[in-house]
Amino acid sequence: MSGVLRRFYDLVDGPDAMRYPELLSEDLRFSILFSTGPDAVTDFAGGRAEFDGYMEQRGTPRWTHRVLTESTDGAIETVYGQTWQDGRPLATFVAAARLDAAGRIDRYIVGRSTQVVFD
């Protein structure tokens, strides 16, 4: 198992979050469907410049990622996880990424919702 997505989340949740570009291809295409409640969904999408903009507006959230399951099939990684805040799960997310020949993420899609948290 490659674990690039797990490393990505560990990196963005840690003190060196701005090192995230090390794990991304210059050819990145992505979509992050970010829900904070019913009728409150934002689709952050685009290429590398838009991802950098997403990370800038994101700042340093109070929540962190916890990967609960992960799998790899060739160049595709998938994870299921939760974001946690103050010692409890805040939201559920699923993500998939394709890795390029150098092992960097070149395609990335995430769905995140506060409406369904698995116990």
N, C-alpha and C. Protein backbone atom coordinates (compact mmCIF):
# COMPACT_ATOMS: atom_id res chain seq x y z
N MET A 1 0.83 -1.18 0.00
CA MET A 1 0.00 0.00 0.00
C MET A 1 0.88 1.25 0.00
N SER A 2 0.54 2.20 -0.81
CA SER A 2 1.36 3.40 -0.97
C SER A 2 1.21 4.37 0.19
N GLY A 3 -0.02 4.73 0.55
CA GLY A 3 -0.25 5.63 1.67
C GLY A 3 0.01 7.10 1.42
N VAL A 4 0.00 7.53 0.15
CA VAL A 4 0.25 8.94 -0.15
C VAL A 4 -0.87 9.82 0.44
N LEU A 5 -2.11 9.39 0.33
CA LEU A 5 -3.21 10.18 0.90
C LEU A 5 -3.06 10.31 2.42
N ARG A 6 -2.71 9.21 3.09
CA ARG A 6 -2.51 9.27 4.54
C ARG A 6 -1.38 10.27 4.86
N ARG A 7 -0.29 10.20 4.12
CA ARG A 7 0.82 11.13 4.34
C ARG A 7 0.38 12.58 4.07
N PHE A 8 -0.44 12.76 3.04
CA PHE A 8 -0.95 14.09 2.72
C PHE A 8 -1.73 14.67 3.91
N TYR A 9 -2.66 13.89 4.47
CA TYR A 9 -3.46 14.37 5.60
C TYR A 9 -2.59 14.62 6.83
N ASP A 10 -1.64 13.72 7.08
CA ASP A 10 -0.72 13.94 8.21
C ASP A 10 0.05 15.24 8.02
N LEU A 11 0.44 15.51 6.79
CA LEU A 11 1.21 16.71 6.51
C LEU A 11 0.36 17.97 6.70
N VAL A 12 -0.84 18.01 6.09
CA VAL A 12 -1.65 19.23 6.19
C VAL A 12 -2.18 19.47 7.59
N ASP A 13 -2.22 18.44 8.43
CA ASP A 13 -2.67 18.60 9.81
C ASP A 13 -1.53 18.96 10.76
N GLY A 14 -0.31 18.89 10.27
CA GLY A 14 0.83 19.10 11.14
C GLY A 14 1.43 20.49 11.04
N PRO A 15 2.57 20.68 11.69
CA PRO A 15 3.20 22.00 11.75
C PRO A 15 3.82 22.45 10.43
N ASP A 16 4.02 21.52 9.49
CA ASP A 16 4.62 21.85 8.19
C ASP A 16 3.60 21.76 7.07
N ALA A 17 2.38 22.19 7.32
CA ALA A 17 1.29 22.05 6.35
C ALA A 17 1.62 22.62 4.99
N MET A 18 2.40 23.67 4.94
CA MET A 18 2.69 24.31 3.66
C MET A 18 3.70 23.53 2.82
N ARG A 19 4.10 22.35 3.29
CA ARG A 19 4.94 21.45 2.48
C ARG A 19 4.07 20.54 1.60
N TYR A 20 2.74 20.71 1.65
CA TYR A 20 1.84 19.84 0.87
C TYR A 20 2.21 19.75 -0.60
N PRO A 21 2.78 20.81 -1.25
CA PRO A 21 3.08 20.68 -2.68
C PRO A 21 4.03 19.54 -3.02
N GLU A 22 4.81 19.08 -2.06
CA GLU A 22 5.73 17.96 -2.30
C GLU A 22 4.99 16.71 -2.76
N LEU A 23 3.71 16.57 -2.39
CA LEU A 23 2.94 15.38 -2.72
C LEU A 23 2.02 15.55 -3.92
N LEU A 24 2.05 16.74 -4.54
CA LEU A 24 1.14 17.02 -5.65
C LEU A 24 1.89 17.20 -6.96
N SER A 25 1.28 16.69 -8.03
CA SER A 25 1.80 16.88 -9.38
C SER A 25 1.48 18.30 -9.86
N GLU A 26 2.31 18.82 -10.72
CA GLU A 26 2.00 20.11 -11.34
C GLU A 26 0.75 20.01 -12.21
N ASP A 27 0.42 18.78 -12.65
CA ASP A 27 -0.74 18.54 -13.51
C ASP A 27 -2.00 18.21 -12.70
N LEU A 28 -2.04 18.55 -11.43
CA LEU A 28 -3.16 18.22 -10.55
C LEU A 28 -4.49 18.75 -11.11
N ARG A 29 -5.51 17.90 -11.03
CA ARG A 29 -6.92 18.28 -11.26
C ARG A 29 -7.65 17.76 -10.03
N PHE A 30 -8.54 18.56 -9.43
CA PHE A 30 -9.17 18.14 -8.18
C PHE A 30 -10.58 18.71 -8.04
N SER A 31 -11.33 18.09 -7.13
CA SER A 31 -12.62 18.60 -6.68
C SER A 31 -12.80 18.19 -5.23
N ILE A 32 -13.09 19.17 -4.39
CA ILE A 32 -13.37 18.92 -2.98
C ILE A 32 -14.78 19.42 -2.72
N LEU A 33 -15.72 18.50 -2.52
CA LEU A 33 -17.09 18.84 -2.18
C LEU A 33 -17.16 18.92 -0.66
N PHE A 34 -17.25 20.12 -0.13
CA PHE A 34 -17.11 20.38 1.30
C PHE A 34 -18.45 20.85 1.86
N SER A 35 -19.09 19.97 2.63
CA SER A 35 -20.40 20.28 3.21
C SER A 35 -20.27 20.57 4.69
N THR A 36 -20.95 21.62 5.13
CA THR A 36 -21.02 21.94 6.55
C THR A 36 -22.45 21.82 7.07
N GLY A 37 -23.35 21.32 6.22
CA GLY A 37 -24.74 21.13 6.61
C GLY A 37 -25.64 21.10 5.40
N PRO A 38 -26.93 20.84 5.62
CA PRO A 38 -27.86 20.82 4.49
C PRO A 38 -27.81 22.14 3.71
N ASP A 39 -27.75 22.03 2.42
CA ASP A 39 -27.72 23.20 1.54
C ASP A 39 -26.51 24.10 1.78
N ALA A 40 -25.44 23.54 2.35
CA ALA A 40 -24.22 24.31 2.61
C ALA A 40 -23.02 23.54 2.07
N VAL A 41 -22.96 23.45 0.73
CA VAL A 41 -21.89 22.70 0.08
C VAL A 41 -21.13 23.62 -0.85
N THR A 42 -19.82 23.54 -0.77
CA THR A 42 -18.96 24.28 -1.69
C THR A 42 -18.12 23.28 -2.46
N ASP A 43 -18.00 23.49 -3.76
CA ASP A 43 -17.15 22.65 -4.60
C ASP A 43 -15.91 23.46 -4.95
N PHE A 44 -14.82 23.14 -4.27
CA PHE A 44 -13.53 23.73 -4.60
C PHE A 44 -12.95 22.84 -5.70
N ALA A 45 -12.63 23.40 -6.87
CA ALA A 45 -12.20 22.56 -7.98
C ALA A 45 -11.26 23.32 -8.90
N GLY A 46 -10.49 22.57 -9.67
CA GLY A 46 -9.62 23.18 -10.66
C GLY A 46 -8.29 22.47 -10.75
N GLY A 47 -7.26 23.27 -10.99
CA GLY A 47 -5.90 22.75 -11.13
C GLY A 47 -5.04 23.16 -9.96
N ARG A 48 -3.75 23.14 -10.19
CA ARG A 48 -2.79 23.40 -9.12
C ARG A 48 -2.96 24.80 -8.50
N ALA A 49 -3.16 25.82 -9.31
CA ALA A 49 -3.32 27.17 -8.78
C ALA A 49 -4.56 27.27 -7.90
N GLU A 50 -5.65 26.64 -8.32
CA GLU A 50 -6.88 26.66 -7.53
C GLU A 50 -6.70 25.88 -6.22
N PHE A 51 -5.92 24.79 -6.28
CA PHE A 51 -5.67 24.04 -5.05
C PHE A 51 -4.86 24.88 -4.06
N ASP A 52 -3.87 25.58 -4.57
CA ASP A 52 -3.09 26.46 -3.70
C ASP A 52 -4.00 27.52 -3.08
N GLY A 53 -4.95 28.04 -3.85
CA GLY A 53 -5.91 29.00 -3.33
C GLY A 53 -6.81 28.38 -2.27
N TYR A 54 -7.23 27.13 -2.49
CA TYR A 54 -8.03 26.43 -1.49
C TYR A 54 -7.25 26.31 -0.18
N MET A 55 -5.99 25.90 -0.28
CA MET A 55 -5.18 25.73 0.93
C MET A 55 -4.98 27.07 1.64
N GLU A 56 -4.82 28.13 0.89
CA GLU A 56 -4.62 29.45 1.50
C GLU A 56 -5.88 29.89 2.26
N GLN A 57 -7.06 29.74 1.64
CA GLN A 57 -8.29 30.16 2.30
C GLN A 57 -8.62 29.25 3.48
N ARG A 58 -8.17 28.00 3.42
CA ARG A 58 -8.44 27.02 4.48
C ARG A 58 -7.78 27.43 5.78
N GLY A 59 -6.60 28.01 5.69
CA GLY A 59 -5.88 28.39 6.90
C GLY A 59 -5.52 27.17 7.73
N THR A 60 -5.53 27.34 9.04
CA THR A 60 -5.23 26.23 9.96
C THR A 60 -6.49 25.92 10.74
N PRO A 61 -7.27 24.94 10.26
CA PRO A 61 -8.52 24.62 10.95
C PRO A 61 -8.24 23.99 12.32
N ARG A 62 -9.25 24.01 13.17
CA ARG A 62 -9.14 23.39 14.48
C ARG A 62 -9.34 21.88 14.40
N TRP A 63 -9.81 21.37 13.27
CA TRP A 63 -10.04 19.94 13.13
C TRP A 63 -8.87 19.26 12.41
N THR A 64 -8.78 17.95 12.61
CA THR A 64 -7.74 17.14 11.96
C THR A 64 -8.38 15.93 11.29
N HIS A 65 -7.65 15.35 10.35
CA HIS A 65 -8.11 14.17 9.63
C HIS A 65 -7.70 12.90 10.36
N ARG A 66 -8.58 11.90 10.34
CA ARG A 66 -8.24 10.56 10.80
C ARG A 66 -8.64 9.59 9.70
N VAL A 67 -7.66 8.95 9.10
CA VAL A 67 -7.93 7.93 8.09
C VAL A 67 -8.30 6.65 8.83
N LEU A 68 -9.48 6.10 8.52
CA LEU A 68 -9.95 4.89 9.18
C LEU A 68 -9.74 3.65 8.33
N THR A 69 -9.90 3.78 7.02
CA THR A 69 -9.60 2.68 6.11
C THR A 69 -8.96 3.26 4.86
N GLU A 70 -8.17 2.45 4.20
CA GLU A 70 -7.53 2.88 2.96
C GLU A 70 -7.25 1.66 2.09
N SER A 71 -7.21 1.92 0.79
CA SER A 71 -6.87 0.84 -0.14
C SER A 71 -6.15 1.42 -1.34
N THR A 72 -5.43 0.55 -2.00
CA THR A 72 -4.70 0.93 -3.20
C THR A 72 -4.94 -0.13 -4.26
N ASP A 73 -5.21 0.33 -5.48
CA ASP A 73 -5.37 -0.55 -6.62
C ASP A 73 -4.60 0.09 -7.77
N GLY A 74 -3.38 -0.38 -7.99
CA GLY A 74 -2.54 0.24 -9.01
C GLY A 74 -2.19 1.66 -8.59
N ALA A 75 -2.50 2.61 -9.45
CA ALA A 75 -2.18 4.01 -9.19
C ALA A 75 -3.29 4.75 -8.45
N ILE A 76 -4.36 4.03 -8.06
CA ILE A 76 -5.50 4.67 -7.39
C ILE A 76 -5.49 4.34 -5.90
N GLU A 77 -5.59 5.38 -5.08
CA GLU A 77 -5.74 5.22 -3.63
C GLU A 77 -7.11 5.75 -3.22
N THR A 78 -7.74 5.08 -2.28
CA THR A 78 -8.98 5.56 -1.70
C THR A 78 -8.88 5.51 -0.18
N VAL A 79 -9.55 6.44 0.47
CA VAL A 79 -9.60 6.44 1.93
C VAL A 79 -11.00 6.79 2.39
N TYR A 80 -11.35 6.29 3.55
CA TYR A 80 -12.53 6.71 4.29
C TYR A 80 -11.99 7.22 5.62
N GLY A 81 -12.49 8.36 6.05
CA GLY A 81 -12.01 8.90 7.31
C GLY A 81 -12.98 9.88 7.92
N GLN A 82 -12.52 10.48 9.00
CA GLN A 82 -13.31 11.48 9.69
C GLN A 82 -12.42 12.68 10.00
N THR A 83 -13.05 13.82 10.12
CA THR A 83 -12.36 14.97 10.69
C THR A 83 -12.81 15.05 12.15
N TRP A 84 -11.85 15.33 13.01
CA TRP A 84 -12.11 15.37 14.45
C TRP A 84 -11.79 16.75 14.98
N GLN A 85 -12.56 17.15 15.97
CA GLN A 85 -12.33 18.41 16.67
C GLN A 85 -12.73 18.23 18.12
N ASP A 86 -11.92 18.70 19.03
CA ASP A 86 -12.21 18.64 20.46
C ASP A 86 -12.51 17.22 20.93
N GLY A 87 -11.76 16.24 20.40
CA GLY A 87 -11.90 14.87 20.86
C GLY A 87 -13.10 14.11 20.36
N ARG A 88 -13.76 14.62 19.32
CA ARG A 88 -14.93 13.90 18.78
C ARG A 88 -15.00 14.06 17.27
N PRO A 89 -15.65 13.09 16.60
CA PRO A 89 -15.78 13.21 15.15
C PRO A 89 -16.70 14.37 14.77
N LEU A 90 -16.27 15.12 13.78
CA LEU A 90 -17.01 16.29 13.31
C LEU A 90 -17.69 16.01 11.97
N ALA A 91 -17.00 15.28 11.09
CA ALA A 91 -17.51 15.01 9.74
C ALA A 91 -16.87 13.73 9.21
N THR A 92 -17.51 13.20 8.18
CA THR A 92 -17.01 12.02 7.47
C THR A 92 -16.52 12.46 6.10
N PHE A 93 -15.44 11.83 5.62
CA PHE A 93 -14.99 12.11 4.26
C PHE A 93 -14.57 10.83 3.56
N VAL A 94 -14.72 10.84 2.26
CA VAL A 94 -14.18 9.79 1.39
C VAL A 94 -13.36 10.50 0.33
N ALA A 95 -12.25 9.90 -0.04
CA ALA A 95 -11.36 10.53 -1.01
C ALA A 95 -10.74 9.48 -1.91
N ALA A 96 -10.45 9.90 -3.13
CA ALA A 96 -9.72 9.05 -4.08
C ALA A 96 -8.67 9.92 -4.75
N ALA A 97 -7.55 9.30 -5.02
CA ALA A 97 -6.46 9.99 -5.71
C ALA A 97 -5.81 9.04 -6.70
N ARG A 98 -5.34 9.61 -7.79
CA ARG A 98 -4.51 8.86 -8.74
C ARG A 98 -3.10 9.41 -8.60
N LEU A 99 -2.14 8.50 -8.59
CA LEU A 99 -0.74 8.89 -8.47
C LEU A 99 -0.07 8.84 -9.83
N ASP A 100 0.78 9.82 -10.09
CA ASP A 100 1.54 9.82 -11.33
C ASP A 100 2.76 8.90 -11.20
N ALA A 101 3.59 8.84 -12.23
CA ALA A 101 4.75 7.95 -12.23
C ALA A 101 5.74 8.27 -11.13
N ALA A 102 5.75 9.51 -10.65
CA ALA A 102 6.65 9.92 -9.57
C ALA A 102 6.03 9.69 -8.19
N GLY A 103 4.81 9.16 -8.14
CA GLY A 103 4.15 8.90 -6.87
C GLY A 103 3.48 10.12 -6.26
N ARG A 104 3.23 11.15 -7.08
CA ARG A 104 2.53 12.34 -6.61
C ARG A 104 1.08 12.32 -7.07
N ILE A 105 0.23 13.02 -6.35
CA ILE A 105 -1.20 13.05 -6.66
C ILE A 105 -1.43 13.93 -7.88
N ASP A 106 -2.03 13.34 -8.94
CA ASP A 106 -2.37 14.15 -10.11
C ASP A 106 -3.88 14.28 -10.34
N ARG A 107 -4.67 13.44 -9.67
CA ARG A 107 -6.12 13.56 -9.67
C ARG A 107 -6.60 13.30 -8.25
N TYR A 108 -7.55 14.13 -7.77
CA TYR A 108 -7.95 14.06 -6.37
C TYR A 108 -9.40 14.49 -6.26
N ILE A 109 -10.21 13.66 -5.62
CA ILE A 109 -11.61 14.01 -5.39
C ILE A 109 -11.98 13.62 -3.97
N VAL A 110 -12.73 14.53 -3.31
CA VAL A 110 -13.12 14.32 -1.91
C VAL A 110 -14.57 14.73 -1.73
N GLY A 111 -15.30 13.95 -0.95
CA GLY A 111 -16.62 14.34 -0.48
C GLY A 111 -16.59 14.36 1.03
N ARG A 112 -17.08 15.45 1.63
CA ARG A 112 -17.05 15.60 3.09
C ARG A 112 -18.40 16.11 3.56
N SER A 113 -18.92 15.50 4.65
CA SER A 113 -20.21 15.91 5.18
C SER A 113 -20.25 15.78 6.69
N THR A 114 -20.92 16.71 7.34
CA THR A 114 -21.16 16.65 8.76
C THR A 114 -22.45 15.89 9.07
N GLN A 115 -23.20 15.52 8.04
CA GLN A 115 -24.53 14.93 8.23
C GLN A 115 -24.53 13.44 8.53
N VAL A 116 -23.44 12.73 8.20
CA VAL A 116 -23.36 11.30 8.48
C VAL A 116 -21.98 11.02 9.08
N VAL A 117 -21.98 10.66 10.36
CA VAL A 117 -20.74 10.27 11.02
C VAL A 117 -20.93 8.84 11.50
N PHE A 118 -20.06 7.95 11.04
CA PHE A 118 -20.13 6.55 11.43
C PHE A 118 -19.61 6.42 12.86
N ASP A 119 -20.31 5.63 13.69
CA ASP A 119 -19.82 5.38 15.06
C ASP A 119 -18.72 4.35 15.04
